[in-house]
Amino acid sequence: SLNKSTILTNQLDQLFGIINKGGF
């Protein structure tokens, strides 16, 4: 497996996008 920090940031952006939409 080749892992990198952008894998985490992409997953976090998706999660935060859902939270933002819910709060909005």
mmCIF file of all heavy atoms, coordinates in Angstrom:
data_MODEL
# 
_entry.id   MODEL 
# 
loop_
_atom_site.group_PDB 
_atom_site.id 
_atom_site.type_symbol 
_atom_site.label_atom_id 
_atom_site.label_alt_id 
_atom_site.label_comp_id 
_atom_site.label_asym_id 
_atom_site.label_entity_id 
_atom_site.label_seq_id 
_atom_site.pdbx_PDB_ins_code 
_atom_site.Cartn_x 
_atom_site.Cartn_y 
_atom_site.Cartn_z 
_atom_site.occupancy 
_atom_site.B_iso_or_equiv 
_atom_site.pdbx_formal_charge 
_atom_site.auth_seq_id 
_atom_site.auth_comp_id 
_atom_site.auth_asym_id 
_atom_site.auth_atom_id 
_atom_site.pdbx_PDB_model_num 
ATOM 1   N N   . SER A 1 1  ? 0.849   -1.198 0.000  1.00 0.00 ? 1  SER A N   1 
ATOM 2   C CA  . SER A 1 1  ? 0.000   0.000  0.000  1.00 0.00 ? 1  SER A CA  1 
ATOM 3   C C   . SER A 1 1  ? 0.878   1.240  0.000  1.00 0.00 ? 1  SER A C   1 
ATOM 4   O O   . SER A 1 1  ? 1.896   1.283  0.710  1.00 0.00 ? 1  SER A O   1 
ATOM 5   C CB  . SER A 1 1  ? -0.916  0.021  1.234  1.00 0.00 ? 1  SER A CB  1 
ATOM 6   O OG  . SER A 1 1  ? -1.871  -1.011 1.173  1.00 0.00 ? 1  SER A OG  1 
ATOM 7   N N   . LEU A 1 2  ? 0.490   2.223  -0.781 1.00 0.00 ? 2  LEU A N   1 
ATOM 8   C CA  . LEU A 1 2  ? 1.163   3.522  -0.783 1.00 0.00 ? 2  LEU A CA  1 
ATOM 9   C C   . LEU A 1 2  ? 0.201   4.529  -0.159 1.00 0.00 ? 2  LEU A C   1 
ATOM 10  O O   . LEU A 1 2  ? -0.833  4.864  -0.747 1.00 0.00 ? 2  LEU A O   1 
ATOM 11  C CB  . LEU A 1 2  ? 1.532   3.942  -2.206 1.00 0.00 ? 2  LEU A CB  1 
ATOM 12  C CG  . LEU A 1 2  ? 2.506   3.028  -2.961 1.00 0.00 ? 2  LEU A CG  1 
ATOM 13  C CD1 . LEU A 1 2  ? 2.842   3.609  -4.330 1.00 0.00 ? 2  LEU A CD1 1 
ATOM 14  C CD2 . LEU A 1 2  ? 3.786   2.795  -2.162 1.00 0.00 ? 2  LEU A CD2 1 
ATOM 15  N N   . ASN A 1 3  ? 0.524   4.968  1.037  1.00 0.00 ? 3  ASN A N   1 
ATOM 16  C CA  . ASN A 1 3  ? -0.322  5.910  1.759  1.00 0.00 ? 3  ASN A CA  1 
ATOM 17  C C   . ASN A 1 3  ? 0.312   7.294  1.742  1.00 0.00 ? 3  ASN A C   1 
ATOM 18  O O   . ASN A 1 3  ? 1.531   7.431  1.702  1.00 0.00 ? 3  ASN A O   1 
ATOM 19  C CB  . ASN A 1 3  ? -0.521  5.443  3.203  1.00 0.00 ? 3  ASN A CB  1 
ATOM 20  C CG  . ASN A 1 3  ? -1.248  4.121  3.277  1.00 0.00 ? 3  ASN A CG  1 
ATOM 21  O OD1 . ASN A 1 3  ? -2.282  3.941  2.648  1.00 0.00 ? 3  ASN A OD1 1 
ATOM 22  N ND2 . ASN A 1 3  ? -0.703  3.172  4.039  1.00 0.00 ? 3  ASN A ND2 1 
ATOM 23  N N   . LYS A 1 4  ? -0.527  8.310  1.806  1.00 0.00 ? 4  LYS A N   1 
ATOM 24  C CA  . LYS A 1 4  ? -0.040  9.689  1.834  1.00 0.00 ? 4  LYS A CA  1 
ATOM 25  C C   . LYS A 1 4  ? -1.046  10.566 2.553  1.00 0.00 ? 4  LYS A C   1 
ATOM 26  O O   . LYS A 1 4  ? -2.205  10.184 2.738  1.00 0.00 ? 4  LYS A O   1 
ATOM 27  C CB  . LYS A 1 4  ? 0.224   10.206 0.411  1.00 0.00 ? 4  LYS A CB  1 
ATOM 28  C CG  . LYS A 1 4  ? -0.960  10.082 -0.529 1.00 0.00 ? 4  LYS A CG  1 
ATOM 29  C CD  . LYS A 1 4  ? -0.591  10.534 -1.933 1.00 0.00 ? 4  LYS A CD  1 
ATOM 30  C CE  . LYS A 1 4  ? -1.789  10.370 -2.886 1.00 0.00 ? 4  LYS A CE  1 
ATOM 31  N NZ  . LYS A 1 4  ? -1.455  10.821 -4.252 1.00 0.00 ? 4  LYS A NZ  1 
ATOM 32  N N   . SER A 1 5  ? -0.605  11.752 2.939  1.00 0.00 ? 5  SER A N   1 
ATOM 33  C CA  . SER A 1 5  ? -1.434  12.621 3.774  1.00 0.00 ? 5  SER A CA  1 
ATOM 34  C C   . SER A 1 5  ? -2.708  13.067 3.058  1.00 0.00 ? 5  SER A C   1 
ATOM 35  O O   . SER A 1 5  ? -3.734  13.297 3.693  1.00 0.00 ? 5  SER A O   1 
ATOM 36  C CB  . SER A 1 5  ? -0.639  13.848 4.224  1.00 0.00 ? 5  SER A CB  1 
ATOM 37  O OG  . SER A 1 5  ? -0.194  14.601 3.107  1.00 0.00 ? 5  SER A OG  1 
ATOM 38  N N   . THR A 1 6  ? -2.667  13.174 1.718  1.00 0.00 ? 6  THR A N   1 
ATOM 39  C CA  . THR A 1 6  ? -3.854  13.628 0.994  1.00 0.00 ? 6  THR A CA  1 
ATOM 40  C C   . THR A 1 6  ? -5.000  12.631 1.115  1.00 0.00 ? 6  THR A C   1 
ATOM 41  O O   . THR A 1 6  ? -6.164  13.008 0.980  1.00 0.00 ? 6  THR A O   1 
ATOM 42  C CB  . THR A 1 6  ? -3.528  13.859 -0.493 1.00 0.00 ? 6  THR A CB  1 
ATOM 43  O OG1 . THR A 1 6  ? -2.898  12.694 -1.030 1.00 0.00 ? 6  THR A OG1 1 
ATOM 44  C CG2 . THR A 1 6  ? -2.615  15.052 -0.668 1.00 0.00 ? 6  THR A CG2 1 
ATOM 45  N N   . ILE A 1 7  ? -4.690  11.365 1.360  1.00 0.00 ? 7  ILE A N   1 
ATOM 46  C CA  . ILE A 1 7  ? -5.760  10.372 1.583  1.00 0.00 ? 7  ILE A CA  1 
ATOM 47  C C   . ILE A 1 7  ? -6.575  10.772 2.806  1.00 0.00 ? 7  ILE A C   1 
ATOM 48  O O   . ILE A 1 7  ? -7.809  10.726 2.798  1.00 0.00 ? 7  ILE A O   1 
ATOM 49  C CB  . ILE A 1 7  ? -5.153  8.971  1.771  1.00 0.00 ? 7  ILE A CB  1 
ATOM 50  C CG1 . ILE A 1 7  ? -4.485  8.492  0.480  1.00 0.00 ? 7  ILE A CG1 1 
ATOM 51  C CG2 . ILE A 1 7  ? -6.219  7.975  2.208  1.00 0.00 ? 7  ILE A CG2 1 
ATOM 52  C CD1 . ILE A 1 7  ? -3.777  7.154  0.622  1.00 0.00 ? 7  ILE A CD1 1 
ATOM 53  N N   . LEU A 1 8  ? -5.877  11.176 3.870  1.00 0.00 ? 8  LEU A N   1 
ATOM 54  C CA  . LEU A 1 8  ? -6.574  11.591 5.090  1.00 0.00 ? 8  LEU A CA  1 
ATOM 55  C C   . LEU A 1 8  ? -7.328  12.895 4.880  1.00 0.00 ? 8  LEU A C   1 
ATOM 56  O O   . LEU A 1 8  ? -8.480  13.028 5.310  1.00 0.00 ? 8  LEU A O   1 
ATOM 57  C CB  . LEU A 1 8  ? -5.570  11.742 6.238  1.00 0.00 ? 8  LEU A CB  1 
ATOM 58  C CG  . LEU A 1 8  ? -4.834  10.475 6.679  1.00 0.00 ? 8  LEU A CG  1 
ATOM 59  C CD1 . LEU A 1 8  ? -3.839  10.810 7.782  1.00 0.00 ? 8  LEU A CD1 1 
ATOM 60  C CD2 . LEU A 1 8  ? -5.809  9.419  7.166  1.00 0.00 ? 8  LEU A CD2 1 
ATOM 61  N N   . THR A 1 9  ? -6.677  13.864 4.220  1.00 0.00 ? 9  THR A N   1 
ATOM 62  C CA  . THR A 1 9  ? -7.325  15.165 4.040  1.00 0.00 ? 9  THR A CA  1 
ATOM 63  C C   . THR A 1 9  ? -8.566  15.042 3.167  1.00 0.00 ? 9  THR A C   1 
ATOM 64  O O   . THR A 1 9  ? -9.574  15.713 3.416  1.00 0.00 ? 9  THR A O   1 
ATOM 65  C CB  . THR A 1 9  ? -6.350  16.180 3.417  1.00 0.00 ? 9  THR A CB  1 
ATOM 66  O OG1 . THR A 1 9  ? -5.802  15.638 2.200  1.00 0.00 ? 9  THR A OG1 1 
ATOM 67  C CG2 . THR A 1 9  ? -5.210  16.495 4.366  1.00 0.00 ? 9  THR A CG2 1 
ATOM 68  N N   . ASN A 1 10 ? -8.525  14.197 2.150  1.00 0.00 ? 10 ASN A N   1 
ATOM 69  C CA  . ASN A 1 10 ? -9.701  14.006 1.296  1.00 0.00 ? 10 ASN A CA  1 
ATOM 70  C C   . ASN A 1 10 ? -10.855 13.400 2.087  1.00 0.00 ? 10 ASN A C   1 
ATOM 71  O O   . ASN A 1 10 ? -12.017 13.806 1.940  1.00 0.00 ? 10 ASN A O   1 
ATOM 72  C CB  . ASN A 1 10 ? -9.361  13.112 0.105  1.00 0.00 ? 10 ASN A CB  1 
ATOM 73  C CG  . ASN A 1 10 ? -8.431  13.793 -0.887 1.00 0.00 ? 10 ASN A CG  1 
ATOM 74  O OD1 . ASN A 1 10 ? -8.348  15.020 -0.913 1.00 0.00 ? 10 ASN A OD1 1 
ATOM 75  N ND2 . ASN A 1 10 ? -7.742  13.017 -1.692 1.00 0.00 ? 10 ASN A ND2 1 
ATOM 76  N N   . GLN A 1 11 ? -10.541 12.404 2.923  1.00 0.00 ? 11 GLN A N   1 
ATOM 77  C CA  . GLN A 1 11 ? -11.575 11.792 3.750  1.00 0.00 ? 11 GLN A CA  1 
ATOM 78  C C   . GLN A 1 11 ? -12.138 12.803 4.754  1.00 0.00 ? 11 GLN A C   1 
ATOM 79  O O   . GLN A 1 11 ? -13.351 12.858 4.979  1.00 0.00 ? 11 GLN A O   1 
ATOM 80  C CB  . GLN A 1 11 ? -11.001 10.583 4.503  1.00 0.00 ? 11 GLN A CB  1 
ATOM 81  C CG  . GLN A 1 11 ? -10.665 9.402  3.606  1.00 0.00 ? 11 GLN A CG  1 
ATOM 82  C CD  . GLN A 1 11 ? -11.909 8.733  3.066  1.00 0.00 ? 11 GLN A CD  1 
ATOM 83  O OE1 . GLN A 1 11 ? -12.860 8.500  3.802  1.00 0.00 ? 11 GLN A OE1 1 
ATOM 84  N NE2 . GLN A 1 11 ? -11.908 8.417  1.784  1.00 0.00 ? 11 GLN A NE2 1 
ATOM 85  N N   . LEU A 1 12 ? -11.253 13.603 5.329  1.00 0.00 ? 12 LEU A N   1 
ATOM 86  C CA  . LEU A 1 12 ? -11.698 14.600 6.303  1.00 0.00 ? 12 LEU A CA  1 
ATOM 87  C C   . LEU A 1 12 ? -12.557 15.663 5.637  1.00 0.00 ? 12 LEU A C   1 
ATOM 88  O O   . LEU A 1 12 ? -13.543 16.123 6.208  1.00 0.00 ? 12 LEU A O   1 
ATOM 89  C CB  . LEU A 1 12 ? -10.482 15.243 6.978  1.00 0.00 ? 12 LEU A CB  1 
ATOM 90  C CG  . LEU A 1 12 ? -9.660  14.319 7.891  1.00 0.00 ? 12 LEU A CG  1 
ATOM 91  C CD1 . LEU A 1 12 ? -8.395  15.024 8.345  1.00 0.00 ? 12 LEU A CD1 1 
ATOM 92  C CD2 . LEU A 1 12 ? -10.479 13.865 9.080  1.00 0.00 ? 12 LEU A CD2 1 
ATOM 93  N N   . ASP A 1 13 ? -12.177 16.076 4.406  1.00 0.00 ? 13 ASP A N   1 
ATOM 94  C CA  . ASP A 1 13 ? -12.965 17.076 3.691  1.00 0.00 ? 13 ASP A CA  1 
ATOM 95  C C   . ASP A 1 13 ? -14.377 16.564 3.422  1.00 0.00 ? 13 ASP A C   1 
ATOM 96  O O   . ASP A 1 13 ? -15.350 17.319 3.530  1.00 0.00 ? 13 ASP A O   1 
ATOM 97  C CB  . ASP A 1 13 ? -12.283 17.441 2.369  1.00 0.00 ? 13 ASP A CB  1 
ATOM 98  C CG  . ASP A 1 13 ? -11.058 18.326 2.581  1.00 0.00 ? 13 ASP A CG  1 
ATOM 99  O OD1 . ASP A 1 13 ? -10.951 18.922 3.675  1.00 0.00 ? 13 ASP A OD1 1 
ATOM 100 O OD2 . ASP A 1 13 ? -10.215 18.418 1.667  1.00 0.00 ? 13 ASP A OD2 1 
ATOM 101 N N   . GLN A 1 14 ? -14.505 15.292 3.072  1.00 0.00 ? 14 GLN A N   1 
ATOM 102 C CA  . GLN A 1 14 ? -15.829 14.714 2.849  1.00 0.00 ? 14 GLN A CA  1 
ATOM 103 C C   . GLN A 1 14 ? -16.648 14.718 4.137  1.00 0.00 ? 14 GLN A C   1 
ATOM 104 O O   . GLN A 1 14 ? -17.831 15.071 4.143  1.00 0.00 ? 14 GLN A O   1 
ATOM 105 C CB  . GLN A 1 14 ? -15.696 13.287 2.318  1.00 0.00 ? 14 GLN A CB  1 
ATOM 106 C CG  . GLN A 1 14 ? -15.127 13.195 0.913  1.00 0.00 ? 14 GLN A CG  1 
ATOM 107 C CD  . GLN A 1 14 ? -14.991 11.756 0.439  1.00 0.00 ? 14 GLN A CD  1 
ATOM 108 O OE1 . GLN A 1 14 ? -15.579 10.839 1.009  1.00 0.00 ? 14 GLN A OE1 1 
ATOM 109 N NE2 . GLN A 1 14 ? -14.202 11.542 -0.599 1.00 0.00 ? 14 GLN A NE2 1 
ATOM 110 N N   . LEU A 1 15 ? -15.993 14.320 5.233  1.00 0.00 ? 15 LEU A N   1 
ATOM 111 C CA  . LEU A 1 15 ? -16.684 14.289 6.527  1.00 0.00 ? 15 LEU A CA  1 
ATOM 112 C C   . LEU A 1 15 ? -17.120 15.687 6.945  1.00 0.00 ? 15 LEU A C   1 
ATOM 113 O O   . LEU A 1 15 ? -18.273 15.904 7.349  1.00 0.00 ? 15 LEU A O   1 
ATOM 114 C CB  . LEU A 1 15 ? -15.761 13.682 7.588  1.00 0.00 ? 15 LEU A CB  1 
ATOM 115 C CG  . LEU A 1 15 ? -16.265 13.714 9.034  1.00 0.00 ? 15 LEU A CG  1 
ATOM 116 C CD1 . LEU A 1 15 ? -17.542 12.894 9.179  1.00 0.00 ? 15 LEU A CD1 1 
ATOM 117 C CD2 . LEU A 1 15 ? -15.194 13.196 9.983  1.00 0.00 ? 15 LEU A CD2 1 
ATOM 118 N N   . PHE A 1 16 ? -16.200 16.655 6.835  1.00 0.00 ? 16 PHE A N   1 
ATOM 119 C CA  . PHE A 1 16 ? -16.518 18.018 7.232  1.00 0.00 ? 16 PHE A CA  1 
ATOM 120 C C   . PHE A 1 16 ? -17.587 18.624 6.330  1.00 0.00 ? 16 PHE A C   1 
ATOM 121 O O   . PHE A 1 16 ? -18.397 19.439 6.771  1.00 0.00 ? 16 PHE A O   1 
ATOM 122 C CB  . PHE A 1 16 ? -15.259 18.892 7.203  1.00 0.00 ? 16 PHE A CB  1 
ATOM 123 C CG  . PHE A 1 16 ? -14.263 18.534 8.272  1.00 0.00 ? 16 PHE A CG  1 
ATOM 124 C CD1 . PHE A 1 16 ? -12.902 18.643 8.040  1.00 0.00 ? 16 PHE A CD1 1 
ATOM 125 C CD2 . PHE A 1 16 ? -14.679 18.076 9.505  1.00 0.00 ? 16 PHE A CD2 1 
ATOM 126 C CE1 . PHE A 1 16 ? -11.985 18.309 9.012  1.00 0.00 ? 16 PHE A CE1 1 
ATOM 127 C CE2 . PHE A 1 16 ? -13.774 17.742 10.493 1.00 0.00 ? 16 PHE A CE2 1 
ATOM 128 C CZ  . PHE A 1 16 ? -12.416 17.860 10.246 1.00 0.00 ? 16 PHE A CZ  1 
ATOM 129 N N   . GLY A 1 17 ? -17.585 18.234 5.051  1.00 0.00 ? 17 GLY A N   1 
ATOM 130 C CA  . GLY A 1 17 ? -18.620 18.722 4.139  1.00 0.00 ? 17 GLY A CA  1 
ATOM 131 C C   . GLY A 1 17 ? -20.002 18.267 4.580  1.00 0.00 ? 17 GLY A C   1 
ATOM 132 O O   . GLY A 1 17 ? -20.967 19.049 4.551  1.00 0.00 ? 17 GLY A O   1 
ATOM 133 N N   . ILE A 1 18 ? -20.109 17.016 5.008  1.00 0.00 ? 18 ILE A N   1 
ATOM 134 C CA  . ILE A 1 18 ? -21.397 16.489 5.489  1.00 0.00 ? 18 ILE A CA  1 
ATOM 135 C C   . ILE A 1 18 ? -21.833 17.220 6.759  1.00 0.00 ? 18 ILE A C   1 
ATOM 136 O O   . ILE A 1 18 ? -22.999 17.599 6.918  1.00 0.00 ? 18 ILE A O   1 
ATOM 137 C CB  . ILE A 1 18 ? -21.282 14.974 5.751  1.00 0.00 ? 18 ILE A CB  1 
ATOM 138 C CG1 . ILE A 1 18 ? -21.066 14.220 4.432  1.00 0.00 ? 18 ILE A CG1 1 
ATOM 139 C CG2 . ILE A 1 18 ? -22.539 14.446 6.443  1.00 0.00 ? 18 ILE A CG2 1 
ATOM 140 C CD1 . ILE A 1 18 ? -20.723 12.754 4.602  1.00 0.00 ? 18 ILE A CD1 1 
ATOM 141 N N   . ILE A 1 19 ? -20.877 17.431 7.691  1.00 0.00 ? 19 ILE A N   1 
ATOM 142 C CA  . ILE A 1 19 ? -21.202 18.138 8.946  1.00 0.00 ? 19 ILE A CA  1 
ATOM 143 C C   . ILE A 1 19 ? -21.657 19.561 8.653  1.00 0.00 ? 19 ILE A C   1 
ATOM 144 O O   . ILE A 1 19 ? -22.629 20.055 9.225  1.00 0.00 ? 19 ILE A O   1 
ATOM 145 C CB  . ILE A 1 19 ? -19.984 18.141 9.890  1.00 0.00 ? 19 ILE A CB  1 
ATOM 146 C CG1 . ILE A 1 19 ? -19.647 16.711 10.321 1.00 0.00 ? 19 ILE A CG1 1 
ATOM 147 C CG2 . ILE A 1 19 ? -20.260 18.999 11.120 1.00 0.00 ? 19 ILE A CG2 1 
ATOM 148 C CD1 . ILE A 1 19 ? -18.370 16.599 11.113 1.00 0.00 ? 19 ILE A CD1 1 
ATOM 149 N N   . ASN A 1 20 ? -20.947 20.238 7.729  1.00 0.00 ? 20 ASN A N   1 
ATOM 150 C CA  . ASN A 1 20 ? -21.316 21.605 7.367  1.00 0.00 ? 20 ASN A CA  1 
ATOM 151 C C   . ASN A 1 20 ? -22.717 21.668 6.780  1.00 0.00 ? 20 ASN A C   1 
ATOM 152 O O   . ASN A 1 20 ? -23.510 22.560 7.118  1.00 0.00 ? 20 ASN A O   1 
ATOM 153 C CB  . ASN A 1 20 ? -20.310 22.157 6.345  1.00 0.00 ? 20 ASN A CB  1 
ATOM 154 C CG  . ASN A 1 20 ? -19.305 23.098 6.988  1.00 0.00 ? 20 ASN A CG  1 
ATOM 155 O OD1 . ASN A 1 20 ? -19.605 23.724 8.001  1.00 0.00 ? 20 ASN A OD1 1 
ATOM 156 N ND2 . ASN A 1 20 ? -18.134 23.208 6.418  1.00 0.00 ? 20 ASN A ND2 1 
ATOM 157 N N   . LYS A 1 21 ? -23.029 20.714 5.897  1.00 0.00 ? 21 LYS A N   1 
ATOM 158 C CA  . LYS A 1 21 ? -24.357 20.701 5.280  1.00 0.00 ? 21 LYS A CA  1 
ATOM 159 C C   . LYS A 1 21 ? -25.439 20.454 6.324  1.00 0.00 ? 21 LYS A C   1 
ATOM 160 O O   . LYS A 1 21 ? -26.498 21.110 6.303  1.00 0.00 ? 21 LYS A O   1 
ATOM 161 C CB  . LYS A 1 21 ? -24.417 19.626 4.205  1.00 0.00 ? 21 LYS A CB  1 
ATOM 162 C CG  . LYS A 1 21 ? -23.626 19.967 2.948  1.00 0.00 ? 21 LYS A CG  1 
ATOM 163 C CD  . LYS A 1 21 ? -23.676 18.835 1.938  1.00 0.00 ? 21 LYS A CD  1 
ATOM 164 C CE  . LYS A 1 21 ? -22.827 19.165 0.711  1.00 0.00 ? 21 LYS A CE  1 
ATOM 165 N NZ  . LYS A 1 21 ? -22.799 18.040 -0.266 1.00 0.00 ? 21 LYS A NZ  1 
ATOM 166 N N   . GLY A 1 22 ? -25.171 19.509 7.244  1.00 0.00 ? 22 GLY A N   1 
ATOM 167 C CA  . GLY A 1 22 ? -26.135 19.232 8.302  1.00 0.00 ? 22 GLY A CA  1 
ATOM 168 C C   . GLY A 1 22 ? -26.383 20.454 9.169  1.00 0.00 ? 22 GLY A C   1 
ATOM 169 O O   . GLY A 1 22 ? -27.533 20.787 9.477  1.00 0.00 ? 22 GLY A O   1 
ATOM 170 N N   . GLY A 1 23 ? -25.306 21.129 9.565  1.00 0.00 ? 23 GLY A N   1 
ATOM 171 C CA  . GLY A 1 23 ? -25.449 22.330 10.385 1.00 0.00 ? 23 GLY A CA  1 
ATOM 172 C C   . GLY A 1 23 ? -26.168 23.443 9.645  1.00 0.00 ? 23 GLY A C   1 
ATOM 173 O O   . GLY A 1 23 ? -26.997 24.162 10.226 1.00 0.00 ? 23 GLY A O   1 
ATOM 174 N N   . PHE A 1 24 ? -25.885 23.557 8.334  1.00 0.00 ? 24 PHE A N   1 
ATOM 175 C CA  . PHE A 1 24 ? -26.540 24.604 7.556  1.00 0.00 ? 24 PHE A CA  1 
ATOM 176 C C   . PHE A 1 24 ? -28.039 24.344 7.437  1.00 0.00 ? 24 PHE A C   1 
ATOM 177 O O   . PHE A 1 24 ? -28.849 25.263 7.554  1.00 0.00 ? 24 PHE A O   1 
ATOM 178 C CB  . PHE A 1 24 ? -25.925 24.692 6.157  1.00 0.00 ? 24 PHE A CB  1 
ATOM 179 C CG  . PHE A 1 24 ? -26.571 25.726 5.270  1.00 0.00 ? 24 PHE A CG  1 
ATOM 180 C CD1 . PHE A 1 24 ? -26.218 27.060 5.389  1.00 0.00 ? 24 PHE A CD1 1 
ATOM 181 C CD2 . PHE A 1 24 ? -27.549 25.373 4.357  1.00 0.00 ? 24 PHE A CD2 1 
ATOM 182 C CE1 . PHE A 1 24 ? -26.825 28.029 4.594  1.00 0.00 ? 24 PHE A CE1 1 
ATOM 183 C CE2 . PHE A 1 24 ? -28.167 26.328 3.567  1.00 0.00 ? 24 PHE A CE2 1 
ATOM 184 C CZ  . PHE A 1 24 ? -27.803 27.660 3.680  1.00 0.00 ? 24 PHE A CZ  1 
# 
